[in-house]
Amino acid sequence: MALVPLASKGHFMHVFDFRVLPGEGDAFITLFEAFDYSDDNPMHKSSAQIKDGVLCRDTNDPDHFYLIGEWNDIVVHAAIGKQIAMDMKPEFLRLVEGGRFMPIYAEVVSSTPQDILDKAS
């Protein structure tokens, strides 16, 4: 399989770094997937989403997670996030420790060009 960059230069990554209530990691995953995979998730309907997010679990702490995705417009992402938190209130949010579920945004400033990756594979 050919290598592909995780994200493209000029786009933005959202990085949620959060903990869930003690011992609730598995329940969080179940509730997160129920919302994420549903037709109700407005993130999947936005043309500003470049690559769908991935939920990652810390290998040393089962209650620590990261949610990472690629977008071309952080204003749109933030507006949809606010809609989800304020209006939709999915069940998984009640398991987030401290109730804070906010991303850090980072601009992708370097991404290996595809022709270089193609030569490596």
PDB file of N, CA and C in Angstrom:
ATOM      1  N   MET A   1       0.841  -1.180   0.000  1.00  0.00           N
ATOM      2  CA  MET A   1       0.000   0.000   0.000  1.00  0.00           C
ATOM      3  C   MET A   1       0.887   1.245   0.000  1.00  0.00           C
ATOM      4  N   ALA A   2       0.522   2.192  -0.815  1.00  0.00           N
ATOM      5  CA  ALA A   2       1.297   3.427  -0.915  1.00  0.00           C
ATOM      6  C   ALA A   2       1.131   4.272   0.342  1.00  0.00           C
ATOM      7  N   LEU A   3       2.202   4.957   0.703  1.00  0.00           N
ATOM      8  CA  LEU A   3       2.134   5.884   1.829  1.00  0.00           C
ATOM      9  C   LEU A   3       1.352   7.123   1.421  1.00  0.00           C
ATOM     10  N   VAL A   4       0.608   7.682   2.354  1.00  0.00           N
ATOM     11  CA  VAL A   4      -0.072   8.959   2.142  1.00  0.00           C
ATOM     12  C   VAL A   4       0.154   9.807   3.385  1.00  0.00           C
ATOM     13  N   PRO A   5       0.247  11.122   3.228  1.00  0.00           N
ATOM     14  CA  PRO A   5       0.438  11.962   4.410  1.00  0.00           C
ATOM     15  C   PRO A   5      -0.812  11.948   5.284  1.00  0.00           C
ATOM     16  N   LEU A   6      -0.611  12.122   6.559  1.00  0.00           N
ATOM     17  CA  LEU A   6      -1.726  12.175   7.505  1.00  0.00           C
ATOM     18  C   LEU A   6      -2.640  13.355   7.207  1.00  0.00           C
ATOM     19  N   ALA A   7      -2.081  14.471   6.778  1.00  0.00           N
ATOM     20  CA  ALA A   7      -2.852  15.674   6.478  1.00  0.00           C
ATOM     21  C   ALA A   7      -2.102  16.492   5.437  1.00  0.00           C
ATOM     22  N   SER A   8      -2.798  17.450   4.847  1.00  0.00           N
ATOM     23  CA  SER A   8      -2.205  18.272   3.792  1.00  0.00           C
ATOM     24  C   SER A   8      -1.825  19.657   4.294  1.00  0.00           C
ATOM     25  N   LYS A   9      -0.702  20.129   3.804  1.00  0.00           N
ATOM     26  CA  LYS A   9      -0.208  21.461   4.149  1.00  0.00           C
ATOM     27  C   LYS A   9      -1.289  22.503   3.847  1.00  0.00           C
ATOM     28  N   GLY A  10      -1.465  23.425   4.790  1.00  0.00           N
ATOM     29  CA  GLY A  10      -2.457  24.479   4.634  1.00  0.00           C
ATOM     30  C   GLY A  10      -3.795  24.161   5.265  1.00  0.00           C
ATOM     31  N   HIS A  11      -4.028  22.898   5.576  1.00  0.00           N
ATOM     32  CA  HIS A  11      -5.255  22.519   6.274  1.00  0.00           C
ATOM     33  C   HIS A  11      -5.036  22.661   7.779  1.00  0.00           C
ATOM     34  N   PHE A  12      -6.040  22.303   8.537  1.00  0.00           N
ATOM     35  CA  PHE A  12      -5.986  22.426   9.993  1.00  0.00           C
ATOM     36  C   PHE A  12      -6.345  21.098  10.638  1.00  0.00           C
ATOM     37  N   MET A  13      -5.687  20.806  11.734  1.00  0.00           N
ATOM     38  CA  MET A  13      -6.017  19.628  12.535  1.00  0.00           C
ATOM     39  C   MET A  13      -6.732  20.108  13.793  1.00  0.00           C
ATOM     40  N   HIS A  14      -7.795  19.393  14.150  1.00  0.00           N
ATOM     41  CA  HIS A  14      -8.369  19.626  15.473  1.00  0.00           C
ATOM     42  C   HIS A  14      -7.832  18.526  16.369  1.00  0.00           C
ATOM     43  N   VAL A  15      -7.435  18.893  17.562  1.00  0.00           N
ATOM     44  CA  VAL A  15      -6.901  17.929  18.522  1.00  0.00           C
ATOM     45  C   VAL A  15      -7.638  18.129  19.845  1.00  0.00           C
ATOM     46  N   PHE A  16      -8.479  17.167  20.167  1.00  0.00           N
ATOM     47  CA  PHE A  16      -9.137  17.150  21.469  1.00  0.00           C
ATOM     48  C   PHE A  16      -8.290  16.254  22.362  1.00  0.00           C
ATOM     49  N   ASP A  17      -7.855  16.747  23.480  1.00  0.00           N
ATOM     50  CA  ASP A  17      -7.057  15.998  24.458  1.00  0.00           C
ATOM     51  C   ASP A  17      -7.869  16.032  25.747  1.00  0.00           C
ATOM     52  N   PHE A  18      -8.466  14.906  26.111  1.00  0.00           N
ATOM     53  CA  PHE A  18      -9.407  14.920  27.228  1.00  0.00           C
ATOM     54  C   PHE A  18      -9.398  13.602  27.989  1.00  0.00           C
ATOM     55  N   ARG A  19      -9.964  13.668  29.168  1.00  0.00           N
ATOM     56  CA  ARG A  19     -10.125  12.489  30.022  1.00  0.00           C
ATOM     57  C   ARG A  19     -11.614  12.251  30.229  1.00  0.00           C
ATOM     58  N   VAL A  20     -11.960  10.998  30.455  1.00  0.00           N
ATOM     59  CA  VAL A  20     -13.333  10.673  30.824  1.00  0.00           C
ATOM     60  C   VAL A  20     -13.367  10.309  32.303  1.00  0.00           C
ATOM     61  N   LEU A  21     -14.560  10.233  32.845  1.00  0.00           N
ATOM     62  CA  LEU A  21     -14.713   9.879  34.252  1.00  0.00           C
ATOM     63  C   LEU A  21     -14.024   8.547  34.526  1.00  0.00           C
ATOM     64  N   PRO A  22     -13.429   8.379  35.692  1.00  0.00           N
ATOM     65  CA  PRO A  22     -12.679   7.156  36.000  1.00  0.00           C
ATOM     66  C   PRO A  22     -13.478   5.879  35.726  1.00  0.00           C
ATOM     67  N   GLY A  23     -12.853   4.986  34.972  1.00  0.00           N
ATOM     68  CA  GLY A  23     -13.454   3.696  34.666  1.00  0.00           C
ATOM     69  C   GLY A  23     -14.503   3.719  33.568  1.00  0.00           C
ATOM     70  N   GLU A  24     -14.707   4.863  32.921  1.00  0.00           N
ATOM     71  CA  GLU A  24     -15.774   4.997  31.917  1.00  0.00           C
ATOM     72  C   GLU A  24     -15.265   4.985  30.473  1.00  0.00           C
ATOM     73  N   GLY A  25     -14.011   4.604  30.270  1.00  0.00           N
ATOM     74  CA  GLY A  25     -13.446   4.623  28.924  1.00  0.00           C
ATOM     75  C   GLY A  25     -14.211   3.790  27.919  1.00  0.00           C
ATOM     76  N   ASP A  26     -14.539   2.554  28.270  1.00  0.00           N
ATOM     77  CA  ASP A  26     -15.261   1.687  27.336  1.00  0.00           C
ATOM     78  C   ASP A  26     -16.660   2.217  27.052  1.00  0.00           C
ATOM     79  N   ALA A  27     -17.339   2.693  28.090  1.00  0.00           N
ATOM     80  CA  ALA A  27     -18.679   3.265  27.910  1.00  0.00           C
ATOM     81  C   ALA A  27     -18.607   4.502  27.017  1.00  0.00           C
ATOM     82  N   PHE A  28     -17.565   5.314  27.203  1.00  0.00           N
ATOM     83  CA  PHE A  28     -17.402   6.504  26.366  1.00  0.00           C
ATOM     84  C   PHE A  28     -17.283   6.105  24.898  1.00  0.00           C
ATOM     85  N   ILE A  29     -16.452   5.119  24.605  1.00  0.00           N
ATOM     86  CA  ILE A  29     -16.264   4.685  23.217  1.00  0.00           C
ATOM     87  C   ILE A  29     -17.597   4.251  22.613  1.00  0.00           C
ATOM     88  N   THR A  30     -18.359   3.465  23.349  1.00  0.00           N
ATOM     89  CA  THR A  30     -19.654   2.987  22.859  1.00  0.00           C
ATOM     90  C   THR A  30     -20.590   4.150  22.543  1.00  0.00           C
ATOM     91  N   LEU A  31     -20.695   5.102  23.471  1.00  0.00           N
ATOM     92  CA  LEU A  31     -21.580   6.250  23.264  1.00  0.00           C
ATOM     93  C   LEU A  31     -21.063   7.170  22.159  1.00  0.00           C
ATOM     94  N   PHE A  32     -19.749   7.357  22.098  1.00  0.00           N
ATOM     95  CA  PHE A  32     -19.164   8.196  21.051  1.00  0.00           C
ATOM     96  C   PHE A  32     -19.467   7.611  19.678  1.00  0.00           C
ATOM     97  N   GLU A  33     -19.240   6.314  19.515  1.00  0.00           N
ATOM     98  CA  GLU A  33     -19.486   5.674  18.222  1.00  0.00           C
ATOM     99  C   GLU A  33     -20.958   5.727  17.840  1.00  0.00           C
ATOM    100  N   ALA A  34     -21.853   5.567  18.811  1.00  0.00           N
ATOM    101  CA  ALA A  34     -23.286   5.627  18.518  1.00  0.00           C
ATOM    102  C   ALA A  34     -23.649   6.977  17.899  1.00  0.00           C
ATOM    103  N   PHE A  35     -23.090   8.054  18.432  1.00  0.00           N
ATOM    104  CA  PHE A  35     -23.353   9.379  17.858  1.00  0.00           C
ATOM    105  C   PHE A  35     -22.563   9.582  16.567  1.00  0.00           C
ATOM    106  N   ASP A  36     -21.288   9.268  16.594  1.00  0.00           N
ATOM    107  CA  ASP A  36     -20.414   9.543  15.457  1.00  0.00           C
ATOM    108  C   ASP A  36     -20.880   8.827  14.194  1.00  0.00           C
ATOM    109  N   TYR A  37     -21.341   7.605  14.321  1.00  0.00           N
ATOM    110  CA  TYR A  37     -21.733   6.814  13.161  1.00  0.00           C
ATOM    111  C   TYR A  37     -23.179   7.056  12.746  1.00  0.00           C
ATOM    112  N   SER A  38     -23.892   7.897  13.475  1.00  0.00           N
ATOM    113  CA  SER A  38     -25.310   8.128  13.182  1.00  0.00           C
ATOM    114  C   SER A  38     -25.482   9.155  12.063  1.00  0.00           C
ATOM    115  N   ASP A  39     -26.675   9.165  11.500  1.00  0.00           N
ATOM    116  CA  ASP A  39     -27.013  10.159  10.484  1.00  0.00           C
ATOM    117  C   ASP A  39     -27.176  11.551  11.088  1.00  0.00           C
ATOM    118  N   ASP A  40     -27.217  11.640  12.417  1.00  0.00           N
ATOM    119  CA  ASP A  40     -27.405  12.922  13.097  1.00  0.00           C
ATOM    120  C   ASP A  40     -26.114  13.725  13.240  1.00  0.00           C
ATOM    121  N   ASN A  41     -24.964  13.137  12.957  1.00  0.00           N
ATOM    122  CA  ASN A  41     -23.687  13.819  13.167  1.00  0.00           C
ATOM    123  C   ASN A  41     -23.449  14.863  12.071  1.00  0.00           C
ATOM    124  N   PRO A  42     -23.552  16.164  12.404  1.00  0.00           N
ATOM    125  CA  PRO A  42     -23.378  17.195  11.381  1.00  0.00           C
ATOM    126  C   PRO A  42     -21.935  17.357  10.897  1.00  0.00           C
ATOM    127  N   MET A  43     -20.968  16.838  11.645  1.00  0.00           N
ATOM    128  CA  MET A  43     -19.572  16.938  11.201  1.00  0.00           C
ATOM    129  C   MET A  43     -19.390  16.251   9.849  1.00  0.00           C
ATOM    130  N   HIS A  44     -20.042  15.109   9.670  1.00  0.00           N
ATOM    131  CA  HIS A  44     -19.877  14.328   8.448  1.00  0.00           C
ATOM    132  C   HIS A  44     -20.588  14.942   7.247  1.00  0.00           C
ATOM    133  N   LYS A  45     -21.386  15.971   7.478  1.00  0.00           N
ATOM    134  CA  LYS A  45     -22.138  16.606   6.395  1.00  0.00           C
ATOM    135  C   LYS A  45     -21.474  17.890   5.909  1.00  0.00           C
ATOM    136  N   SER A  46     -20.358  18.254   6.496  1.00  0.00           N
ATOM    137  CA  SER A  46     -19.697  19.514   6.159  1.00  0.00           C
ATOM    138  C   SER A  46     -18.644  19.322   5.075  1.00  0.00           C
ATOM    139  N   SER A  47     -18.682  20.194   4.081  1.00  0.00           N
ATOM    140  CA  SER A  47     -17.658  20.147   3.031  1.00  0.00           C
ATOM    141  C   SER A  47     -16.306  20.650   3.539  1.00  0.00           C
ATOM    142  N   ALA A  48     -16.286  21.250   4.735  1.00  0.00           N
ATOM    143  CA  ALA A  48     -15.021  21.723   5.320  1.00  0.00           C
ATOM    144  C   ALA A  48     -14.217  20.586   5.944  1.00  0.00           C
ATOM    145  N   GLN A  49     -14.856  19.432   6.133  1.00  0.00           N
ATOM    146  CA  GLN A  49     -14.142  18.276   6.690  1.00  0.00           C
ATOM    147  C   GLN A  49     -13.361  17.610   5.561  1.00  0.00           C
ATOM    148  N   ILE A  50     -12.049  17.469   5.758  1.00  0.00           N
ATOM    149  CA  ILE A  50     -11.191  16.862   4.744  1.00  0.00           C
ATOM    150  C   ILE A  50     -11.021  15.368   5.007  1.00  0.00           C
ATOM    151  N   LYS A  51     -10.625  15.027   6.228  1.00  0.00           N
ATOM    152  CA  LYS A  51     -10.505  13.626   6.634  1.00  0.00           C
ATOM    153  C   LYS A  51     -11.243  13.456   7.941  1.00  0.00           C
ATOM    154  N   ASP A  52     -12.011  12.395   8.011  1.00  0.00           N
ATOM    155  CA  ASP A  52     -12.795  12.128   9.206  1.00  0.00           C
ATOM    156  C   ASP A  52     -11.878  11.946  10.406  1.00  0.00           C
ATOM    157  N   GLY A  53     -12.357  12.366  11.546  1.00  0.00           N
ATOM    158  CA  GLY A  53     -11.572  12.258  12.769  1.00  0.00           C
ATOM    159  C   GLY A  53     -11.374  10.821  13.219  1.00  0.00           C
ATOM    160  N   VAL A  54     -10.353  10.629  14.016  1.00  0.00           N
ATOM    161  CA  VAL A  54     -10.100   9.334  14.638  1.00  0.00           C
ATOM    162  C   VAL A  54     -10.016   9.539  16.143  1.00  0.00           C
ATOM    163  N   LEU A  55     -10.619   8.615  16.874  1.00  0.00           N
ATOM    164  CA  LEU A  55     -10.565   8.632  18.332  1.00  0.00           C
ATOM    165  C   LEU A  55      -9.439   7.707  18.758  1.00  0.00           C
ATOM    166  N   CYS A  56      -8.498   8.231  19.529  1.00  0.00           N
ATOM    167  CA  CYS A  56      -7.344   7.460  19.983  1.00  0.00           C
ATOM    168  C   CYS A  56      -7.366   7.371  21.502  1.00  0.00           C
ATOM    169  N   ARG A  57      -6.968   6.213  22.018  1.00  0.00           N
ATOM    170  CA  ARG A  57      -6.926   5.988  23.464  1.00  0.00           C
ATOM    171  C   ARG A  57      -5.478   5.849  23.904  1.00  0.00           C
ATOM    172  N   ASP A  58      -5.132   6.557  24.947  1.00  0.00           N
ATOM    173  CA  ASP A  58      -3.788   6.510  25.524  1.00  0.00           C
ATOM    174  C   ASP A  58      -3.481   5.067  25.940  1.00  0.00           C
ATOM    175  N   THR A  59      -2.354   4.532  25.501  1.00  0.00           N
ATOM    176  CA  THR A  59      -2.007   3.146  25.826  1.00  0.00           C
ATOM    177  C   THR A  59      -1.632   2.957  27.290  1.00  0.00           C
ATOM    178  N   ASN A  60      -1.358   4.049  27.994  1.00  0.00           N
ATOM    179  CA  ASN A  60      -0.994   3.963  29.411  1.00  0.00           C
ATOM    180  C   ASN A  60      -2.100   4.399  30.359  1.00  0.00           C
ATOM    181  N   ASP A  61      -3.199   4.906  29.822  1.00  0.00           N
ATOM    182  CA  ASP A  61      -4.286   5.420  30.657  1.00  0.00           C
ATOM    183  C   ASP A  61      -5.609   5.232  29.913  1.00  0.00           C
ATOM    184  N   PRO A  62      -6.408   4.227  30.278  1.00  0.00           N
ATOM    185  CA  PRO A  62      -7.630   3.917  29.534  1.00  0.00           C
ATOM    186  C   PRO A  62      -8.727   4.974  29.628  1.00  0.00           C
ATOM    187  N   ASP A  63      -8.532   5.997  30.444  1.00  0.00           N
ATOM    188  CA  ASP A  63      -9.518   7.077  30.552  1.00  0.00           C
ATOM    189  C   ASP A  63      -9.040   8.369  29.884  1.00  0.00           C
ATOM    190  N   HIS A  64      -7.961   8.290  29.117  1.00  0.00           N
ATOM    191  CA  HIS A  64      -7.388   9.457  28.433  1.00  0.00           C
ATOM    192  C   HIS A  64      -7.500   9.238  26.927  1.00  0.00           C
ATOM    193  N   PHE A  65      -8.062  10.217  26.234  1.00  0.00           N
ATOM    194  CA  PHE A  65      -8.325  10.088  24.803  1.00  0.00           C
ATOM    195  C   PHE A  65      -7.846  11.311  24.033  1.00  0.00           C
ATOM    196  N   TYR A  66      -7.706  11.100  22.724  1.00  0.00           N
ATOM    197  CA  TYR A  66      -7.431  12.163  21.766  1.00  0.00           C
ATOM    198  C   TYR A  66      -8.389  11.960  20.596  1.00  0.00           C
ATOM    199  N   LEU A  67      -8.958  13.035  20.097  1.00  0.00           N
ATOM    200  CA  LEU A  67      -9.779  12.998  18.891  1.00  0.00           C
ATOM    201  C   LEU A  67      -9.121  13.955  17.907  1.00  0.00           C
ATOM    202  N   ILE A  68      -8.732  13.420  16.749  1.00  0.00           N
ATOM    203  CA  ILE A  68      -7.933  14.182  15.789  1.00  0.00           C
ATOM    204  C   ILE A  68      -8.594  14.096  14.416  1.00  0.00           C
ATOM    205  N   GLY A  69      -8.697  15.211  13.720  1.00  0.00           N
ATOM    206  CA  GLY A  69      -9.256  15.222  12.374  1.00  0.00           C
ATOM    207  C   GLY A  69      -8.700  16.381  11.564  1.00  0.00           C
ATOM    208  N   GLU A  70      -8.931  16.337  10.261  1.00  0.00           N
ATOM    209  CA  GLU A  70      -8.410  17.356   9.341  1.00  0.00           C
ATOM    210  C   GLU A  70      -9.564  18.140   8.715  1.00  0.00           C
ATOM    211  N   TRP A  71      -9.454  19.458   8.791  1.00  0.00           N
ATOM    212  CA  TRP A  71     -10.468  20.366   8.236  1.00  0.00           C
ATOM    213  C   TRP A  71      -9.776  21.464   7.443  1.00  0.00           C
ATOM    214  N   ASN A  72     -10.530  22.104   6.539  1.00  0.00           N
ATOM    215  CA  ASN A  72      -9.965  23.252   5.830  1.00  0.00           C
ATOM    216  C   ASN A  72     -10.499  24.574   6.373  1.00  0.00           C
ATOM    217  N   ASP A  73     -11.380  24.516   7.382  1.00  0.00           N
ATOM    218  CA  ASP A  73     -11.961  25.740   7.939  1.00  0.00           C
ATOM    219  C   ASP A  73     -12.269  25.521   9.420  1.00  0.00           C
ATOM    220  N   ILE A  74     -11.479  26.146  10.289  1.00  0.00           N
ATOM    221  CA  ILE A  74     -11.692  25.936  11.730  1.00  0.00           C
ATOM    222  C   ILE A  74     -12.899  26.711  12.247  1.00  0.00           C
ATOM    223  N   VAL A  75     -13.302  27.774  11.566  1.00  0.00           N
ATOM    224  CA  VAL A  75     -14.500  28.510  11.986  1.00  0.00           C
ATOM    225  C   VAL A  75     -15.728  27.623  11.817  1.00  0.00           C
ATOM    226  N   VAL A  76     -15.804  26.928  10.701  1.00  0.00           N
ATOM    227  CA  VAL A  76     -16.918  26.007  10.454  1.00  0.00           C
ATOM    228  C   VAL A  76     -16.896  24.875  11.476  1.00  0.00           C
ATOM    229  N   HIS A  77     -15.720  24.298  11.721  1.00  0.00           N
ATOM    230  CA  HIS A  77     -15.623  23.215  12.698  1.00  0.00           C
ATOM    231  C   HIS A  77     -16.086  23.684  14.071  1.00  0.00           C
ATOM    232  N   ALA A  78     -15.645  24.846  14.495  1.00  0.00           N
ATOM    233  CA  ALA A  78     -16.022  25.370  15.810  1.00  0.00           C
ATOM    234  C   ALA A  78     -17.529  25.612  15.901  1.00  0.00           C
ATOM    235  N   ALA A  79     -18.134  26.113  14.833  1.00  0.00           N
ATOM    236  CA  ALA A  79     -19.578  26.362  14.832  1.00  0.00           C
ATOM    237  C   ALA A  79     -20.365  25.057  14.947  1.00  0.00           C
ATOM    238  N   ILE A  80     -19.927  24.035  14.239  1.00  0.00           N
ATOM    239  CA  ILE A  80     -20.605  22.737  14.326  1.00  0.00           C
ATOM    240  C   ILE A  80     -20.403  22.138  15.707  1.00  0.00           C
ATOM    241  N   GLY A  81     -19.198  22.266  16.249  1.00  0.00           N
ATOM    242  CA  GLY A  81     -18.945  21.776  17.605  1.00  0.00           C
ATOM    243  C   GLY A  81     -19.853  22.436  18.623  1.00  0.00           C
ATOM    244  N   LYS A  82     -20.060  23.727  18.476  1.00  0.00           N
ATOM    245  CA  LYS A  82     -20.955  24.458  19.386  1.00  0.00           C
ATOM    246  C   LYS A  82     -22.390  23.960  19.241  1.00  0.00           C
ATOM    247  N   GLN A  83     -22.818  23.730  18.004  1.00  0.00           N
ATOM    248  CA  GLN A  83     -24.158  23.195  17.751  1.00  0.00           C
ATOM    249  C   GLN A  83     -24.336  21.842  18.438  1.00  0.00           C
ATOM    250  N   ILE A  84     -23.342  20.986  18.322  1.00  0.00           N
ATOM    251  CA  ILE A  84     -23.425  19.662  18.946  1.00  0.00           C
ATOM    252  C   ILE A  84     -23.508  19.797  20.460  1.00  0.00           C
ATOM    253  N   ALA A  85     -22.640  20.615  21.037  1.00  0.00           N
ATOM    254  CA  ALA A  85     -22.586  20.753  22.500  1.00  0.00           C
ATOM    255  C   ALA A  85     -23.823  21.433  23.073  1.00  0.00           C
ATOM    256  N   MET A  86     -24.303  22.480  22.421  1.00  0.00           N
ATOM    257  CA  MET A  86     -25.390  23.282  22.976  1.00  0.00           C
ATOM    258  C   MET A  86     -26.777  22.749  22.628  1.00  0.00           C
ATOM    259  N   ASP A  87     -26.941  22.259  21.403  1.00  0.00           N
ATOM    260  CA  ASP A  87     -28.269  21.863  20.942  1.00  0.00           C
ATOM    261  C   ASP A  87     -28.502  20.354  20.972  1.00  0.00           C
ATOM    262  N   MET A  88     -27.519  19.587  20.543  1.00  0.00           N
ATOM    263  CA  MET A  88     -27.708  18.144  20.414  1.00  0.00           C
ATOM    264  C   MET A  88     -27.398  17.398  21.709  1.00  0.00           C
ATOM    265  N   LYS A  89     -26.404  17.849  22.425  1.00  0.00           N
ATOM    266  CA  LYS A  89     -26.000  17.272  23.712  1.00  0.00           C
ATOM    267  C   LYS A  89     -25.938  15.734  23.687  1.00  0.00           C
ATOM    268  N   PRO A  90     -25.059  15.170  22.858  1.00  0.00           N
ATOM    269  CA  PRO A  90     -24.967  13.706  22.797  1.00  0.00           C
ATOM    270  C   PRO A  90     -24.525  13.112  24.132  1.00  0.00           C
ATOM    271  N   GLU A  91     -24.951  11.893  24.368  1.00  0.00           N
ATOM    272  CA  GLU A  91     -24.708  11.205  25.640  1.00  0.00           C
ATOM    273  C   GLU A  91     -23.232  11.099  26.002  1.00  0.00           C
ATOM    274  N   PHE A  92     -22.358  10.941  25.015  1.00  0.00           N
ATOM    275  CA  PHE A  92     -20.941  10.748  25.340  1.00  0.00           C
ATOM    276  C   PHE A  92     -20.354  11.939  26.093  1.00  0.00           C
ATOM    277  N   LEU A  93     -20.908  13.133  25.886  1.00  0.00           N
ATOM    278  CA  LEU A  93     -20.365  14.325  26.547  1.00  0.00           C
ATOM    279  C   LEU A  93     -20.497  14.269  28.067  1.00  0.00           C
ATOM    280  N   ARG A  94     -21.500  13.563  28.577  1.00  0.00           N
ATOM    281  CA  ARG A  94     -21.687  13.494  30.037  1.00  0.00           C
ATOM    282  C   ARG A  94     -20.562  12.711  30.719  1.00  0.00           C
ATOM    283  N   LEU A  95     -19.799  11.941  29.954  1.00  0.00           N
ATOM    284  CA  LEU A  95     -18.699  11.154  30.524  1.00  0.00           C
ATOM    285  C   LEU A  95     -17.357  11.879  30.475  1.00  0.00           C
ATOM    286  N   VAL A  96     -17.306  13.033  29.831  1.00  0.00           N
ATOM    287  CA  VAL A  96     -16.053  13.792  29.751  1.00  0.00           C
ATOM    288  C   VAL A  96     -15.777  14.440  31.102  1.00  0.00           C
ATOM    289  N   GLU A  97     -14.611  14.158  31.649  1.00  0.00           N
ATOM    290  CA  GLU A  97     -14.222  14.688  32.956  1.00  0.00           C
ATOM    291  C   GLU A  97     -14.153  16.215  32.908  1.00  0.00           C
ATOM    292  N   GLY A  98     -14.803  16.852  33.856  1.00  0.00           N
ATOM    293  CA  GLY A  98     -14.803  18.309  33.912  1.00  0.00           C
ATOM    294  C   GLY A  98     -15.725  18.964  32.906  1.00  0.00           C
ATOM    295  N   GLY A  99     -16.367  18.172  32.056  1.00  0.00           N
ATOM    296  CA  GLY A  99     -17.301  18.699  31.074  1.00  0.00           C
ATOM    297  C   GLY A  99     -16.674  19.498  29.948  1.00  0.00           C
ATOM    298  N   ARG A 100     -15.362  19.583  29.910  1.00  0.00           N
ATOM    299  CA  ARG A 100     -14.678  20.384  28.876  1.00  0.00           C
ATOM    300  C   ARG A 100     -14.286  19.498  27.696  1.00  0.00           C
ATOM    301  N   PHE A 101     -14.855  19.802  26.539  1.00  0.00           N
ATOM    302  CA  PHE A 101     -14.584  19.049  25.317  1.00  0.00           C
ATOM    303  C   PHE A 101     -14.318  20.063  24.209  1.00  0.00           C
ATOM    304  N   MET A 102     -13.140  20.674  24.262  1.00  0.00           N
ATOM    305  CA  MET A 102     -12.765  21.742  23.336  1.00  0.00           C
ATOM    306  C   MET A 102     -11.458  21.370  22.642  1.00  0.00           C
ATOM    307  N   PRO A 103     -11.380  21.651  21.333  1.00  0.00           N
ATOM    308  CA  PRO A 103     -10.152  21.308  20.616  1.00  0.00           C
ATOM    309  C   PRO A 103      -9.094  22.396  20.690  1.00  0.00           C
ATOM    310  N   ILE A 104      -7.900  21.970  20.408  1.00  0.00           N
ATOM    311  CA  ILE A 104      -6.807  22.864  20.046  1.00  0.00           C
ATOM    312  C   ILE A 104      -6.733  22.756  18.524  1.00  0.00           C
ATOM    313  N   TYR A 105      -6.549  23.867  17.852  1.00  0.00           N
ATOM    314  CA  TYR A 105      -6.411  23.844  16.397  1.00  0.00           C
ATOM    315  C   TYR A 105      -4.952  24.073  16.029  1.00  0.00           C
ATOM    316  N   ALA A 106      -4.494  23.329  15.036  1.00  0.00           N
ATOM    317  CA  ALA A 106      -3.117  23.459  14.572  1.00  0.00           C
ATOM    318  C   ALA A 106      -3.110  23.484  13.050  1.00  0.00           C
ATOM    319  N   GLU A 107      -2.372  24.425  12.483  1.00  0.00           N
ATOM    320  CA  GLU A 107      -2.231  24.487  11.036  1.00  0.00           C
ATOM    321  C   GLU A 107      -1.159  23.498  10.592  1.00  0.00           C
ATOM    322  N   VAL A 108      -1.460  22.751   9.550  1.00  0.00           N
ATOM    323  CA  VAL A 108      -0.480  21.828   8.979  1.00  0.00           C
ATOM    324  C   VAL A 108       0.491  22.676   8.154  1.00  0.00           C
ATOM    325  N   VAL A 109       1.740  22.744   8.597  1.00  0.00           N
ATOM    326  CA  VAL A 109       2.737  23.600   7.941  1.00  0.00           C
ATOM    327  C   VAL A 109       3.762  22.804   7.130  1.00  0.00           C
ATOM    328  N   SER A 110       3.740  21.496   7.269  1.00  0.00           N
ATOM    329  CA  SER A 110       4.626  20.652   6.478  1.00  0.00           C
ATOM    330  C   SER A 110       3.964  19.295   6.297  1.00  0.00           C
ATOM    331  N   SER A 111       3.981  18.814   5.072  1.00  0.00           N
ATOM    332  CA  SER A 111       3.400  17.516   4.746  1.00  0.00           C
ATOM    333  C   SER A 111       4.180  16.973   3.558  1.00  0.00           C
ATOM    334  N   THR A 112       4.728  15.779   3.690  1.00  0.00           N
ATOM    335  CA  THR A 112       5.575  15.222   2.635  1.00  0.00           C
ATOM    336  C   THR A 112       4.802  15.137   1.321  1.00  0.00           C
ATOM    337  N   PRO A 113       5.328  15.711   0.244  1.00  0.00           N
ATOM    338  CA  PRO A 113       4.656  15.635  -1.057  1.00  0.00           C
ATOM    339  C   PRO A 113       4.469  14.182  -1.504  1.00  0.00           C
ATOM    340  N   GLN A 114       3.359  13.929  -2.184  1.00  0.00           N
ATOM    341  CA  GLN A 114       3.012  12.568  -2.583  1.00  0.00           C
ATOM    342  C   GLN A 114       4.077  11.943  -3.474  1.00  0.00           C
ATOM    343  N   ASP A 115       4.709  12.712  -4.359  1.00  0.00           N
ATOM    344  CA  ASP A 115       5.715  12.124  -5.252  1.00  0.00           C
ATOM    345  C   ASP A 115       6.908  11.569  -4.470  1.00  0.00           C
ATOM    346  N   ILE A 116       7.257  12.211  -3.368  1.00  0.00           N
ATOM    347  CA  ILE A 116       8.351  11.708  -2.524  1.00  0.00           C
ATOM    348  C   ILE A 116       7.913  10.430  -1.812  1.00  0.00           C
ATOM    349  N   LEU A 117       6.679  10.406  -1.337  1.00  0.00           N
ATOM    350  CA  LEU A 117       6.168   9.195  -0.684  1.00  0.00           C
ATOM    351  C   LEU A 117       6.067   8.037  -1.668  1.00  0.00           C
ATOM    352  N   ASP A 118       5.671   8.338  -2.900  1.00  0.00           N
ATOM    353  CA  ASP A 118       5.564   7.287  -3.917  1.00  0.00           C
ATOM    354  C   ASP A 118       6.919   6.643  -4.199  1.00  0.00           C
ATOM    355  N   LYS A 119       7.980   7.434  -4.178  1.00  0.00           N
ATOM    356  CA  LYS A 119       9.326   6.894  -4.403  1.00  0.00           C
ATOM    357  C   LYS A 119       9.765   5.992  -3.253  1.00  0.00           C
ATOM    358  N   ALA A 120       9.269   6.262  -2.063  1.00  0.00           N
ATOM    359  CA  ALA A 120       9.676   5.502  -0.878  1.00  0.00           C
ATOM    360  C   ALA A 120       8.987   4.146  -0.786  1.00  0.00           C
ATOM    361  N   SER A 121       7.870   3.986  -1.475  1.00  0.00           N
ATOM    362  CA  SER A 121       7.133   2.714  -1.321  1.00  0.00           C
ATOM    363  C   SER A 121       7.415   1.728  -2.425  1.00  0.00           C
TER     364      SER A 121
END
